[in-house]
Amino acid sequence: MKKDIHPDYREVVFMDTSSDSKFLTRSTIATKDTIELEDGKTYPLVKIEVSSDSHPFYTGKKLFVDTAGRVEKFNQRYKKK
């Protein structure tokens, strides 16, 4: 392979924010966040909202994501006075 033309392919932790599950895989995604796992190593961290641990198709449960409520709370909290 030619040098300096390929992205950095490394181990990355993806964390599902809705179920707090984590999985380690390899990726070229760029991130500034890091996390230390149980093995004592520090890995780059990518936060995702839905994974196979929280998706209704895989879990068999209905999941309601309240994105409108979050926006309304933000607007109420930081509205101009």
N, C-alpha and C. Protein backbone atom coordinates (compact mmCIF):
# COMPACT_ATOMS: atom_id res chain seq x y z
N MET A 1 0.84 -1.19 0.00
CA MET A 1 0.00 0.00 0.00
C MET A 1 0.87 1.24 0.00
N LYS A 2 0.37 2.28 -0.64
CA LYS A 2 1.09 3.54 -0.63
C LYS A 2 0.97 4.20 0.73
N LYS A 3 2.01 4.87 1.16
CA LYS A 3 2.01 5.54 2.45
C LYS A 3 1.32 6.90 2.33
N ASP A 4 0.74 7.35 3.44
CA ASP A 4 0.15 8.68 3.61
C ASP A 4 -1.08 8.95 2.75
N ILE A 5 -1.73 7.92 2.20
CA ILE A 5 -2.96 8.17 1.46
C ILE A 5 -4.16 7.47 2.09
N HIS A 6 -3.92 6.60 3.06
CA HIS A 6 -4.99 5.85 3.69
C HIS A 6 -5.29 6.42 5.08
N PRO A 7 -6.57 6.40 5.49
CA PRO A 7 -6.89 6.87 6.85
C PRO A 7 -6.36 5.89 7.90
N ASP A 8 -6.27 6.37 9.12
CA ASP A 8 -5.76 5.58 10.24
C ASP A 8 -6.81 4.55 10.65
N TYR A 9 -6.52 3.28 10.46
CA TYR A 9 -7.42 2.18 10.79
C TYR A 9 -7.01 1.63 12.15
N ARG A 10 -7.86 1.84 13.16
CA ARG A 10 -7.47 1.50 14.53
C ARG A 10 -8.68 0.96 15.30
N GLU A 11 -8.42 0.47 16.50
CA GLU A 11 -9.49 -0.02 17.36
C GLU A 11 -10.25 1.17 17.95
N VAL A 12 -11.59 1.09 17.92
CA VAL A 12 -12.45 2.17 18.39
C VAL A 12 -13.58 1.55 19.20
N VAL A 13 -14.02 2.24 20.25
CA VAL A 13 -15.15 1.80 21.05
C VAL A 13 -16.38 2.61 20.64
N PHE A 14 -17.46 1.90 20.30
CA PHE A 14 -18.74 2.53 20.02
C PHE A 14 -19.61 2.33 21.25
N MET A 15 -20.21 3.44 21.76
CA MET A 15 -21.04 3.36 22.95
C MET A 15 -22.45 3.81 22.59
N ASP A 16 -23.42 2.94 22.88
CA ASP A 16 -24.83 3.25 22.67
C ASP A 16 -25.30 4.08 23.86
N THR A 17 -25.69 5.33 23.62
CA THR A 17 -26.06 6.22 24.72
C THR A 17 -27.40 5.88 25.33
N SER A 18 -28.26 5.17 24.60
CA SER A 18 -29.58 4.85 25.15
C SER A 18 -29.55 3.60 26.03
N SER A 19 -28.61 2.68 25.78
CA SER A 19 -28.55 1.47 26.61
C SER A 19 -27.23 1.33 27.36
N ASP A 20 -26.32 2.27 27.18
CA ASP A 20 -25.00 2.26 27.82
C ASP A 20 -24.19 1.01 27.51
N SER A 21 -24.44 0.38 26.39
CA SER A 21 -23.63 -0.77 25.99
C SER A 21 -22.46 -0.28 25.14
N LYS A 22 -21.36 -1.00 25.21
CA LYS A 22 -20.15 -0.64 24.48
C LYS A 22 -19.66 -1.84 23.70
N PHE A 23 -19.09 -1.59 22.51
CA PHE A 23 -18.44 -2.67 21.79
C PHE A 23 -17.21 -2.14 21.09
N LEU A 24 -16.20 -2.98 21.06
CA LEU A 24 -14.90 -2.64 20.50
C LEU A 24 -14.80 -3.22 19.11
N THR A 25 -14.42 -2.38 18.15
CA THR A 25 -14.24 -2.81 16.77
C THR A 25 -13.15 -1.95 16.15
N ARG A 26 -12.90 -2.15 14.88
CA ARG A 26 -11.90 -1.36 14.19
C ARG A 26 -12.60 -0.42 13.22
N SER A 27 -12.09 0.82 13.10
CA SER A 27 -12.72 1.81 12.25
C SER A 27 -11.71 2.90 11.88
N THR A 28 -12.08 3.69 10.87
CA THR A 28 -11.27 4.84 10.47
C THR A 28 -11.91 6.15 10.91
N ILE A 29 -13.00 6.08 11.67
CA ILE A 29 -13.72 7.28 12.09
C ILE A 29 -12.83 8.15 12.99
N ALA A 30 -12.93 9.47 12.80
CA ALA A 30 -12.13 10.40 13.60
C ALA A 30 -12.96 10.88 14.79
N THR A 31 -12.38 10.86 15.97
CA THR A 31 -13.05 11.32 17.18
C THR A 31 -12.02 11.87 18.16
N LYS A 32 -12.49 12.78 19.02
CA LYS A 32 -11.60 13.35 20.03
C LYS A 32 -11.83 12.75 21.41
N ASP A 33 -12.98 12.08 21.60
CA ASP A 33 -13.30 11.47 22.89
C ASP A 33 -12.53 10.16 23.06
N THR A 34 -12.21 9.84 24.31
CA THR A 34 -11.54 8.58 24.61
C THR A 34 -12.23 7.92 25.80
N ILE A 35 -11.99 6.62 25.95
CA ILE A 35 -12.54 5.87 27.07
C ILE A 35 -11.55 4.78 27.45
N GLU A 36 -11.49 4.48 28.74
CA GLU A 36 -10.63 3.40 29.22
C GLU A 36 -11.52 2.20 29.54
N LEU A 37 -11.22 1.07 28.92
CA LEU A 37 -12.01 -0.14 29.13
C LEU A 37 -11.42 -0.96 30.27
N GLU A 38 -12.08 -2.09 30.56
CA GLU A 38 -11.67 -2.95 31.67
C GLU A 38 -10.28 -3.53 31.48
N ASP A 39 -9.80 -3.60 30.23
CA ASP A 39 -8.47 -4.16 29.98
C ASP A 39 -7.35 -3.17 30.29
N GLY A 40 -7.71 -1.94 30.69
CA GLY A 40 -6.71 -0.94 31.08
C GLY A 40 -6.20 -0.10 29.93
N LYS A 41 -6.64 -0.36 28.72
CA LYS A 41 -6.20 0.41 27.56
C LYS A 41 -7.19 1.54 27.29
N THR A 42 -6.68 2.62 26.70
CA THR A 42 -7.51 3.76 26.33
C THR A 42 -7.77 3.71 24.83
N TYR A 43 -9.05 3.85 24.46
CA TYR A 43 -9.45 3.77 23.06
C TYR A 43 -10.22 5.03 22.67
N PRO A 44 -10.24 5.39 21.38
CA PRO A 44 -11.11 6.47 20.92
C PRO A 44 -12.57 6.05 21.10
N LEU A 45 -13.44 7.01 21.41
CA LEU A 45 -14.84 6.72 21.71
C LEU A 45 -15.75 7.43 20.71
N VAL A 46 -16.73 6.67 20.19
CA VAL A 46 -17.76 7.22 19.32
C VAL A 46 -19.10 6.94 19.98
N LYS A 47 -19.90 7.99 20.21
CA LYS A 47 -21.20 7.84 20.84
C LYS A 47 -22.27 7.74 19.76
N ILE A 48 -23.12 6.71 19.89
CA ILE A 48 -24.21 6.52 18.95
C ILE A 48 -25.51 6.41 19.73
N GLU A 49 -26.64 6.73 19.08
CA GLU A 49 -27.92 6.71 19.78
C GLU A 49 -28.62 5.37 19.69
N VAL A 50 -28.41 4.63 18.60
CA VAL A 50 -29.10 3.36 18.41
C VAL A 50 -28.11 2.31 17.93
N SER A 51 -28.14 1.15 18.57
CA SER A 51 -27.34 0.01 18.13
C SER A 51 -28.22 -1.23 18.20
N SER A 52 -27.64 -2.38 17.98
CA SER A 52 -28.43 -3.61 18.05
C SER A 52 -28.90 -3.90 19.47
N ASP A 53 -28.28 -3.30 20.49
CA ASP A 53 -28.73 -3.48 21.87
C ASP A 53 -29.96 -2.66 22.22
N SER A 54 -30.25 -1.62 21.44
CA SER A 54 -31.39 -0.77 21.78
C SER A 54 -32.41 -0.64 20.64
N HIS A 55 -32.12 -1.16 19.47
CA HIS A 55 -33.04 -1.03 18.33
C HIS A 55 -34.23 -1.97 18.52
N PRO A 56 -35.45 -1.47 18.30
CA PRO A 56 -36.64 -2.30 18.53
C PRO A 56 -36.68 -3.58 17.68
N PHE A 57 -36.11 -3.57 16.51
CA PHE A 57 -36.12 -4.76 15.67
C PHE A 57 -35.37 -5.91 16.35
N TYR A 58 -34.25 -5.61 16.99
CA TYR A 58 -33.43 -6.64 17.62
C TYR A 58 -33.90 -6.98 19.04
N THR A 59 -34.44 -6.00 19.76
CA THR A 59 -34.84 -6.24 21.14
C THR A 59 -36.27 -6.74 21.27
N GLY A 60 -37.11 -6.46 20.29
CA GLY A 60 -38.50 -6.86 20.35
C GLY A 60 -39.34 -5.94 21.21
N LYS A 61 -38.77 -4.86 21.69
CA LYS A 61 -39.47 -3.89 22.52
C LYS A 61 -39.68 -2.61 21.73
N LYS A 62 -40.78 -1.92 22.04
CA LYS A 62 -41.01 -0.64 21.41
C LYS A 62 -40.24 0.42 22.18
N LEU A 63 -39.55 1.28 21.46
CA LEU A 63 -38.72 2.32 22.07
C LEU A 63 -39.18 3.66 21.54
N PHE A 64 -39.48 4.56 22.44
CA PHE A 64 -39.90 5.90 22.05
C PHE A 64 -38.76 6.86 22.35
N VAL A 65 -38.23 7.47 21.30
CA VAL A 65 -37.15 8.44 21.46
C VAL A 65 -37.78 9.82 21.44
N ASP A 66 -37.67 10.54 22.53
CA ASP A 66 -38.31 11.84 22.70
C ASP A 66 -37.38 12.95 22.24
N THR A 67 -37.19 13.09 20.93
CA THR A 67 -36.31 14.15 20.45
C THR A 67 -37.00 15.50 20.51
N ALA A 68 -38.31 15.54 20.30
CA ALA A 68 -39.03 16.81 20.36
C ALA A 68 -39.01 17.37 21.78
N GLY A 69 -39.16 16.53 22.77
CA GLY A 69 -39.13 16.98 24.15
C GLY A 69 -37.79 17.57 24.54
N ARG A 70 -36.72 17.00 24.02
CA ARG A 70 -35.39 17.51 24.33
C ARG A 70 -35.20 18.91 23.75
N VAL A 71 -35.68 19.10 22.53
CA VAL A 71 -35.55 20.41 21.87
C VAL A 71 -36.37 21.45 22.62
N GLU A 72 -37.58 21.08 23.03
CA GLU A 72 -38.42 22.02 23.77
C GLU A 72 -37.80 22.38 25.12
N LYS A 73 -37.22 21.42 25.81
CA LYS A 73 -36.55 21.71 27.09
C LYS A 73 -35.39 22.67 26.88
N PHE A 74 -34.62 22.44 25.80
CA PHE A 74 -33.48 23.31 25.50
C PHE A 74 -33.96 24.72 25.23
N ASN A 75 -34.99 24.85 24.39
CA ASN A 75 -35.51 26.18 24.05
C ASN A 75 -36.06 26.89 25.27
N GLN A 76 -36.75 26.18 26.16
CA GLN A 76 -37.27 26.81 27.37
C GLN A 76 -36.15 27.25 28.31
N ARG A 77 -35.14 26.44 28.40
CA ARG A 77 -34.03 26.73 29.31
C ARG A 77 -33.21 27.92 28.85
N TYR A 78 -32.99 28.04 27.53
CA TYR A 78 -32.09 29.07 27.02
C TYR A 78 -32.78 30.13 26.17
N LYS A 79 -34.09 30.32 26.35
CA LYS A 79 -34.77 31.34 25.59
C LYS A 79 -34.35 32.73 26.08
N LYS A 80 -34.43 33.68 25.17
CA LYS A 80 -34.03 35.05 25.52
C LYS A 80 -35.07 35.67 26.43
N LYS A 81 -34.59 36.40 27.43
CA LYS A 81 -35.49 37.01 28.41
C LYS A 81 -35.78 38.43 28.03
